[in-house]
């Protein structure tokens, strides 16, 4: 049955890094098919929040539900199941440099339970076409440009048809033209129904591709759906 529940629901949550409270008593929802920017200065809690959403940082206070999983008290055996429903995109790519694009993507499919070789090959081709990379399967990551590597990372994140993409500064190391291309891919993915939560420092990108903004500041989160958010410069 189709659920209208938000894909992310955060209620009265506090985010900790070791013994430091990074964000305190925060609440927000992200609906299915929504695109949301996460902004704030370095150290304001963006990465810590994303890590909590994909259960890399433990949630000690409050409630967070992501793709049907309760993050507080999630069992370690459930974390891989949660992550199959998420696409996680890092700024530094985190590709295996000693494996071809093909092998990088195959590794994820096998690790997430795919068995049928024909179906794996078909899915691999499908996601590469989706990000505009038709013929790079046999290339090593170092043979690709930064923009192409980031597209491979997005393709990898799409393999299991996630409900939401969590992207941590995905255009941080890319020049503006390449960043625009990456954003257009995110928009296409979003138009097909996948929610996107993207941490970014780039005010220029937000101006070119406007969407809802969550701003981390002074241990709180401000939501452009509720109040006016001032963005005066790139963070």
C-alpha atoms as a PDB file:
ATOM      1  CA  UNK A   1       0.000   0.000   0.000  1.00  0.00           C
ATOM      2  CA  UNK A   2       1.307   3.459  -0.885  1.00  0.00           C
ATOM      3  CA  UNK A   3       2.243   5.443   2.202  1.00  0.00           C
ATOM      4  CA  UNK A   4       1.982   9.225   2.434  1.00  0.00           C
ATOM      5  CA  UNK A   5       4.314   9.326   5.450  1.00  0.00           C
ATOM      6  CA  UNK A   6       7.335  11.625   5.114  1.00  0.00           C
ATOM      7  CA  UNK A   7      10.518   9.852   3.991  1.00  0.00           C
ATOM      8  CA  UNK A   8      12.340  11.662   6.837  1.00  0.00           C
ATOM      9  CA  UNK A   9      10.682  12.690  10.109  1.00  0.00           C
ATOM     10  CA  UNK A  10      12.822  14.347  12.785  1.00  0.00           C
ATOM     11  CA  UNK A  11      11.126  15.180  16.098  1.00  0.00           C
ATOM     12  CA  UNK A  12      12.776  16.846  19.100  1.00  0.00           C
ATOM     13  CA  UNK A  13      16.133  15.277  18.187  1.00  0.00           C
ATOM     14  CA  UNK A  14      19.542  16.310  19.476  1.00  0.00           C
ATOM     15  CA  UNK A  15      22.645  15.454  17.471  1.00  0.00           C
ATOM     16  CA  UNK A  16      25.890  14.693  19.302  1.00  0.00           C
ATOM     17  CA  UNK A  17      29.500  14.370  18.178  1.00  0.00           C
ATOM     18  CA  UNK A  18      31.265  12.551  21.032  1.00  0.00           C
ATOM     19  CA  UNK A  19      30.130  14.524  24.110  1.00  0.00           C
ATOM     20  CA  UNK A  20      29.374  17.751  22.256  1.00  0.00           C
ATOM     21  CA  UNK A  21      25.826  18.712  21.383  1.00  0.00           C
ATOM     22  CA  UNK A  22      25.933  19.873  17.747  1.00  0.00           C
ATOM     23  CA  UNK A  23      22.203  20.410  17.125  1.00  0.00           C
ATOM     24  CA  UNK A  24      19.641  20.639  19.887  1.00  0.00           C
ATOM     25  CA  UNK A  25      15.940  19.775  19.909  1.00  0.00           C
ATOM     26  CA  UNK A  26      15.415  19.921  16.125  1.00  0.00           C
ATOM     27  CA  UNK A  27      12.256  18.927  14.232  1.00  0.00           C
ATOM     28  CA  UNK A  28      11.470  18.779  10.504  1.00  0.00           C
ATOM     29  CA  UNK A  29       9.943  16.473   7.878  1.00  0.00           C
ATOM     30  CA  UNK A  30      11.021  15.753   4.300  1.00  0.00           C
ATOM     31  CA  UNK A  31       8.235  14.504   2.057  1.00  0.00           C
ATOM     32  CA  UNK A  32       8.569  11.878  -0.653  1.00  0.00           C
ATOM     33  CA  UNK A  33       9.799  13.489  -3.863  1.00  0.00           C
ATOM     34  CA  UNK A  34      10.967  16.714  -2.163  1.00  0.00           C
ATOM     35  CA  UNK A  35      14.332  18.394  -2.801  1.00  0.00           C
ATOM     36  CA  UNK A  36      15.888  20.210   0.181  1.00  0.00           C
ATOM     37  CA  UNK A  37      19.186  22.047   0.691  1.00  0.00           C
ATOM     38  CA  UNK A  38      21.057  21.782   3.990  1.00  0.00           C
ATOM     39  CA  UNK A  39      23.220  24.851   4.596  1.00  0.00           C
ATOM     40  CA  UNK A  40      25.335  26.304   7.393  1.00  0.00           C
ATOM     41  CA  UNK A  41      28.880  27.196   8.216  1.00  0.00           C
ATOM     42  CA  UNK A  42      31.581  24.534   8.596  1.00  0.00           C
ATOM     43  CA  UNK A  43      31.060  22.837  11.965  1.00  0.00           C
ATOM     44  CA  UNK A  44      27.382  23.840  12.190  1.00  0.00           C
ATOM     45  CA  UNK A  45      26.173  20.231  12.100  1.00  0.00           C
ATOM     46  CA  UNK A  46      25.350  19.443   8.468  1.00  0.00           C
ATOM     47  CA  UNK A  47      27.523  16.323   8.151  1.00  0.00           C
ATOM     48  CA  UNK A  48      26.650  15.154  11.683  1.00  0.00           C
ATOM     49  CA  UNK A  49      22.952  15.381  10.831  1.00  0.00           C
ATOM     50  CA  UNK A  50      23.414  13.410   7.596  1.00  0.00           C
ATOM     51  CA  UNK A  51      25.477  10.760   9.426  1.00  0.00           C
ATOM     52  CA  UNK A  52      22.704  10.423  12.011  1.00  0.00           C
ATOM     53  CA  UNK A  53      20.103   9.979   9.245  1.00  0.00           C
ATOM     54  CA  UNK A  54      22.016   7.042   7.753  1.00  0.00           C
ATOM     55  CA  UNK A  55      22.806   5.606  11.214  1.00  0.00           C
ATOM     56  CA  UNK A  56      26.540   6.273  11.222  1.00  0.00           C
ATOM     57  CA  UNK A  57      26.176   8.432  14.361  1.00  0.00           C
ATOM     58  CA  UNK A  58      23.993   7.139  17.186  1.00  0.00           C
ATOM     59  CA  UNK A  59      20.832   9.080  18.050  1.00  0.00           C
ATOM     60  CA  UNK A  60      20.657   9.533  21.817  1.00  0.00           C
ATOM     61  CA  UNK A  61      17.781  12.017  22.233  1.00  0.00           C
ATOM     62  CA  UNK A  62      14.544  12.482  20.336  1.00  0.00           C
ATOM     63  CA  UNK A  63      13.086  10.536  17.426  1.00  0.00           C
ATOM     64  CA  UNK A  64      14.115  10.195  13.788  1.00  0.00           C
ATOM     65  CA  UNK A  65      12.363   7.985  11.261  1.00  0.00           C
ATOM     66  CA  UNK A  66      14.009   7.489   7.849  1.00  0.00           C
ATOM     67  CA  UNK A  67      12.378   5.400   5.084  1.00  0.00           C
ATOM     68  CA  UNK A  68      10.325   3.538   7.676  1.00  0.00           C
ATOM     69  CA  UNK A  69      13.224   2.846  10.082  1.00  0.00           C
ATOM     70  CA  UNK A  70      13.361   4.233  13.597  1.00  0.00           C
ATOM     71  CA  UNK A  71      16.951   5.526  13.910  1.00  0.00           C
ATOM     72  CA  UNK A  72      16.938   5.660  17.689  1.00  0.00           C
ATOM     73  CA  UNK A  73      17.618   2.150  18.838  1.00  0.00           C
ATOM     74  CA  UNK A  74      18.115   0.772  15.305  1.00  0.00           C
ATOM     75  CA  UNK A  75      19.796  -2.643  15.477  1.00  0.00           C
ATOM     76  CA  UNK A  76      23.141  -3.048  13.717  1.00  0.00           C
ATOM     77  CA  UNK A  77      21.543  -5.833  11.625  1.00  0.00           C
ATOM     78  CA  UNK A  78      18.949  -3.332  10.345  1.00  0.00           C
ATOM     79  CA  UNK A  79      21.465  -0.660   9.256  1.00  0.00           C
ATOM     80  CA  UNK A  80      22.279  -2.345   5.883  1.00  0.00           C
ATOM     81  CA  UNK A  81      18.520  -2.661   5.224  1.00  0.00           C
ATOM     82  CA  UNK A  82      18.037   1.061   5.961  1.00  0.00           C
ATOM     83  CA  UNK A  83      20.935   1.982   3.676  1.00  0.00           C
ATOM     84  CA  UNK A  84      19.429   0.013   0.798  1.00  0.00           C
ATOM     85  CA  UNK A  85      16.588   2.525   0.892  1.00  0.00           C
ATOM     86  CA  UNK A  86      18.992   5.487   0.861  1.00  0.00           C
ATOM     87  CA  UNK A  87      21.487   6.750  -1.690  1.00  0.00           C
ATOM     88  CA  UNK A  88      24.527   8.290   0.022  1.00  0.00           C
ATOM     89  CA  UNK A  89      26.781  10.632  -1.973  1.00  0.00           C
ATOM     90  CA  UNK A  90      30.080  11.940  -0.619  1.00  0.00           C
ATOM     91  CA  UNK A  91      32.184  14.902  -1.728  1.00  0.00           C
ATOM     92  CA  UNK A  92      35.339  12.785  -1.944  1.00  0.00           C
ATOM     93  CA  UNK A  93      33.688  10.109  -4.145  1.00  0.00           C
ATOM     94  CA  UNK A  94      34.899   7.085  -2.091  1.00  0.00           C
ATOM     95  CA  UNK A  95      35.288   4.915  -5.188  1.00  0.00           C
ATOM     96  CA  UNK A  96      37.640   1.906  -5.147  1.00  0.00           C
ATOM     97  CA  UNK A  97      40.583   3.245  -7.151  1.00  0.00           C
ATOM     98  CA  UNK A  98      41.890  -0.239  -7.979  1.00  0.00           C
ATOM     99  CA  UNK A  99      38.606  -1.320  -9.622  1.00  0.00           C
ATOM    100  CA  UNK A 100      36.847  -0.331 -12.831  1.00  0.00           C
ATOM    101  CA  UNK A 101      33.562   1.603 -12.772  1.00  0.00           C
ATOM    102  CA  UNK A 102      31.827  -1.682 -13.566  1.00  0.00           C
ATOM    103  CA  UNK A 103      33.483  -3.430 -10.590  1.00  0.00           C
ATOM    104  CA  UNK A 104      32.704  -0.515  -8.251  1.00  0.00           C
ATOM    105  CA  UNK A 105      29.000  -0.751  -9.059  1.00  0.00           C
ATOM    106  CA  UNK A 106      28.914  -4.556  -9.076  1.00  0.00           C
ATOM    107  CA  UNK A 107      30.433  -4.571  -5.587  1.00  0.00           C
ATOM    108  CA  UNK A 108      27.450  -2.561  -4.263  1.00  0.00           C
ATOM    109  CA  UNK A 109      24.874  -4.761  -6.002  1.00  0.00           C
ATOM    110  CA  UNK A 110      26.433  -7.943  -4.585  1.00  0.00           C
ATOM    111  CA  UNK A 111      26.805  -6.379  -1.123  1.00  0.00           C
ATOM    112  CA  UNK A 112      23.099  -5.458  -1.108  1.00  0.00           C
ATOM    113  CA  UNK A 113      21.873  -8.924  -2.017  1.00  0.00           C
ATOM    114  CA  UNK A 114      21.565  -8.990  -5.818  1.00  0.00           C
ATOM    115  CA  UNK A 115      22.230 -12.488  -7.227  1.00  0.00           C
ATOM    116  CA  UNK A 116      21.140 -12.591 -10.891  1.00  0.00           C
ATOM    117  CA  UNK A 117      24.065 -11.566 -13.102  1.00  0.00           C
ATOM    118  CA  UNK A 118      21.854 -10.539 -16.030  1.00  0.00           C
ATOM    119  CA  UNK A 119      19.704  -8.305 -13.831  1.00  0.00           C
ATOM    120  CA  UNK A 120      22.818  -6.780 -12.231  1.00  0.00           C
ATOM    121  CA  UNK A 121      24.305  -5.959 -15.665  1.00  0.00           C
ATOM    122  CA  UNK A 122      21.008  -4.439 -16.826  1.00  0.00           C
ATOM    123  CA  UNK A 123      20.679  -2.299 -13.679  1.00  0.00           C
ATOM    124  CA  UNK A 124      24.300  -1.149 -13.967  1.00  0.00           C
ATOM    125  CA  UNK A 125      23.773   0.017 -17.576  1.00  0.00           C
ATOM    126  CA  UNK A 126      20.503   1.682 -16.605  1.00  0.00           C
ATOM    127  CA  UNK A 127      21.970   3.854 -13.831  1.00  0.00           C
ATOM    128  CA  UNK A 128      25.002   4.872 -15.913  1.00  0.00           C
ATOM    129  CA  UNK A 129      22.679   5.979 -18.735  1.00  0.00           C
ATOM    130  CA  UNK A 130      20.566   7.844 -16.177  1.00  0.00           C
ATOM    131  CA  UNK A 131      23.564   9.988 -15.176  1.00  0.00           C
ATOM    132  CA  UNK A 132      24.701  10.484 -18.770  1.00  0.00           C
ATOM    133  CA  UNK A 133      27.625   8.033 -18.752  1.00  0.00           C
ATOM    134  CA  UNK A 134      27.128   5.450 -21.455  1.00  0.00           C
ATOM    135  CA  UNK A 135      30.587   4.016 -22.031  1.00  0.00           C
ATOM    136  CA  UNK A 136      32.773   4.182 -18.929  1.00  0.00           C
ATOM    137  CA  UNK A 137      32.236   0.703 -17.439  1.00  0.00           C
ATOM    138  CA  UNK A 138      35.758  -0.521 -18.159  1.00  0.00           C
ATOM    139  CA  UNK A 139      37.542   2.688 -17.102  1.00  0.00           C
ATOM    140  CA  UNK A 140      39.364   3.118 -13.814  1.00  0.00           C
ATOM    141  CA  UNK A 141      38.316   6.086 -11.622  1.00  0.00           C
ATOM    142  CA  UNK A 142      41.621   7.932 -12.292  1.00  0.00           C
ATOM    143  CA  UNK A 143      40.814   7.888 -16.025  1.00  0.00           C
ATOM    144  CA  UNK A 144      37.680   9.970 -15.399  1.00  0.00           C
ATOM    145  CA  UNK A 145      37.303  13.708 -14.745  1.00  0.00           C
ATOM    146  CA  UNK A 146      36.024  14.894 -11.346  1.00  0.00           C
ATOM    147  CA  UNK A 147      32.577  15.485 -12.812  1.00  0.00           C
ATOM    148  CA  UNK A 148      32.493  11.996 -14.346  1.00  0.00           C
ATOM    149  CA  UNK A 149      33.593  10.438 -11.045  1.00  0.00           C
ATOM    150  CA  UNK A 150      30.797  12.263  -9.245  1.00  0.00           C
ATOM    151  CA  UNK A 151      28.307  10.947 -11.821  1.00  0.00           C
ATOM    152  CA  UNK A 152      29.552   7.410 -11.135  1.00  0.00           C
ATOM    153  CA  UNK A 153      29.012   8.061  -7.410  1.00  0.00           C
ATOM    154  CA  UNK A 154      25.440   9.223  -8.131  1.00  0.00           C
ATOM    155  CA  UNK A 155      24.877   6.146 -10.324  1.00  0.00           C
ATOM    156  CA  UNK A 156      26.133   3.978  -7.439  1.00  0.00           C
ATOM    157  CA  UNK A 157      23.699   5.707  -5.072  1.00  0.00           C
ATOM    158  CA  UNK A 158      20.793   5.002  -7.443  1.00  0.00           C
ATOM    159  CA  UNK A 159      21.414   1.261  -7.842  1.00  0.00           C
ATOM    160  CA  UNK A 160      18.784   0.186  -5.301  1.00  0.00           C
ATOM    161  CA  UNK A 161      16.177   2.801  -6.316  1.00  0.00           C
ATOM    162  CA  UNK A 162      16.422   4.726  -3.033  1.00  0.00           C
ATOM    163  CA  UNK A 163      13.564   6.681  -1.470  1.00  0.00           C
ATOM    164  CA  UNK A 164      15.956   9.548  -0.701  1.00  0.00           C
ATOM    165  CA  UNK A 165      19.444  10.670  -1.727  1.00  0.00           C
ATOM    166  CA  UNK A 166      21.608  12.116   1.069  1.00  0.00           C
ATOM    167  CA  UNK A 167      24.354  14.173  -0.574  1.00  0.00           C
ATOM    168  CA  UNK A 168      27.177  15.747   1.451  1.00  0.00           C
ATOM    169  CA  UNK A 169      28.720  18.637  -0.553  1.00  0.00           C
ATOM    170  CA  UNK A 170      28.441  16.713  -3.847  1.00  0.00           C
ATOM    171  CA  UNK A 171      29.622  19.693  -5.925  1.00  0.00           C
ATOM    172  CA  UNK A 172      32.209  20.983  -3.429  1.00  0.00           C
ATOM    173  CA  UNK A 173      35.241  19.999  -5.529  1.00  0.00           C
ATOM    174  CA  UNK A 174      33.719  20.711  -8.938  1.00  0.00           C
ATOM    175  CA  UNK A 175      33.767  23.832 -11.086  1.00  0.00           C
ATOM    176  CA  UNK A 176      30.482  25.759 -11.646  1.00  0.00           C
ATOM    177  CA  UNK A 177      29.669  24.311 -15.078  1.00  0.00           C
ATOM    178  CA  UNK A 178      30.164  20.746 -13.893  1.00  0.00           C
ATOM    179  CA  UNK A 179      28.181  21.557 -10.719  1.00  0.00           C
ATOM    180  CA  UNK A 180      25.263  22.753 -12.853  1.00  0.00           C
ATOM    181  CA  UNK A 181      25.321  19.450 -14.742  1.00  0.00           C
ATOM    182  CA  UNK A 182      25.293  17.502 -11.466  1.00  0.00           C
ATOM    183  CA  UNK A 183      22.358  19.592 -10.187  1.00  0.00           C
ATOM    184  CA  UNK A 184      20.394  18.886 -13.368  1.00  0.00           C
ATOM    185  CA  UNK A 185      20.897  15.165 -12.734  1.00  0.00           C
ATOM    186  CA  UNK A 186      19.603  15.618  -9.170  1.00  0.00           C
ATOM    187  CA  UNK A 187      16.543  17.432 -10.549  1.00  0.00           C
ATOM    188  CA  UNK A 188      15.842  14.604 -13.007  1.00  0.00           C
ATOM    189  CA  UNK A 189      16.202  12.032 -10.218  1.00  0.00           C
ATOM    190  CA  UNK A 190      13.920  14.151  -8.055  1.00  0.00           C
ATOM    191  CA  UNK A 191      11.338  14.463 -10.846  1.00  0.00           C
ATOM    192  CA  UNK A 192      11.134  10.667 -10.961  1.00  0.00           C
ATOM    193  CA  UNK A 193      10.039  10.664  -7.298  1.00  0.00           C
ATOM    194  CA  UNK A 194      13.230  10.334  -5.230  1.00  0.00           C
ATOM    195  CA  UNK A 195      13.650  12.881  -2.430  1.00  0.00           C
ATOM    196  CA  UNK A 196      17.003  14.685  -2.210  1.00  0.00           C
ATOM    197  CA  UNK A 197      18.645  16.218   0.890  1.00  0.00           C
ATOM    198  CA  UNK A 198      21.822  17.986  -0.170  1.00  0.00           C
ATOM    199  CA  UNK A 199      24.343  19.721   2.073  1.00  0.00           C
ATOM    200  CA  UNK A 200      26.018  22.557   0.196  1.00  0.00           C
ATOM    201  CA  UNK A 201      28.116  25.671   0.711  1.00  0.00           C
ATOM    202  CA  UNK A 202      27.196  27.082  -2.676  1.00  0.00           C
ATOM    203  CA  UNK A 203      24.778  29.990  -2.518  1.00  0.00           C
ATOM    204  CA  UNK A 204      25.162  30.371  -6.297  1.00  0.00           C
ATOM    205  CA  UNK A 205      23.817  26.852  -6.814  1.00  0.00           C
ATOM    206  CA  UNK A 206      20.804  27.536  -4.583  1.00  0.00           C
ATOM    207  CA  UNK A 207      20.048  30.731  -6.530  1.00  0.00           C
ATOM    208  CA  UNK A 208      20.213  28.865  -9.850  1.00  0.00           C
ATOM    209  CA  UNK A 209      18.182  25.872  -8.633  1.00  0.00           C
ATOM    210  CA  UNK A 210      15.837  27.191  -5.900  1.00  0.00           C
ATOM    211  CA  UNK A 211      14.294  24.753  -3.418  1.00  0.00           C
ATOM    212  CA  UNK A 212      13.438  24.521   0.287  1.00  0.00           C
ATOM    213  CA  UNK A 213      16.362  25.277   2.632  1.00  0.00           C
ATOM    214  CA  UNK A 214      17.220  23.932   6.084  1.00  0.00           C
ATOM    215  CA  UNK A 215      19.876  26.085   7.762  1.00  0.00           C
ATOM    216  CA  UNK A 216      22.030  24.860  10.666  1.00  0.00           C
ATOM    217  CA  UNK A 217      22.938  27.785  12.911  1.00  0.00           C
ATOM    218  CA  UNK A 218      23.663  28.176  16.639  1.00  0.00           C
ATOM    219  CA  UNK A 219      22.674  24.575  17.368  1.00  0.00           C
ATOM    220  CA  UNK A 220      19.253  24.950  15.761  1.00  0.00           C
ATOM    221  CA  UNK A 221      17.679  24.311  12.361  1.00  0.00           C
ATOM    222  CA  UNK A 222      15.773  27.036  10.541  1.00  0.00           C
ATOM    223  CA  UNK A 223      13.366  26.009   7.770  1.00  0.00           C
ATOM    224  CA  UNK A 224      12.600  28.222   4.759  1.00  0.00           C
ATOM    225  CA  UNK A 225       9.138  26.587   4.614  1.00  0.00           C
ATOM    226  CA  UNK A 226       8.377  28.314   7.931  1.00  0.00           C
ATOM    227  CA  UNK A 227      10.539  31.447   8.010  1.00  0.00           C
ATOM    228  CA  UNK A 228      12.639  33.670   5.807  1.00  0.00           C
ATOM    229  CA  UNK A 229      16.246  32.507   5.575  1.00  0.00           C
ATOM    230  CA  UNK A 230      18.961  34.998   4.708  1.00  0.00           C
ATOM    231  CA  UNK A 231      21.768  33.724   2.505  1.00  0.00           C
ATOM    232  CA  UNK A 232      24.288  36.494   2.027  1.00  0.00           C
ATOM    233  CA  UNK A 233      27.325  34.584   0.733  1.00  0.00           C
ATOM    234  CA  UNK A 234      28.714  31.135   0.183  1.00  0.00           C
ATOM    235  CA  UNK A 235      29.422  29.564   3.564  1.00  0.00           C
END
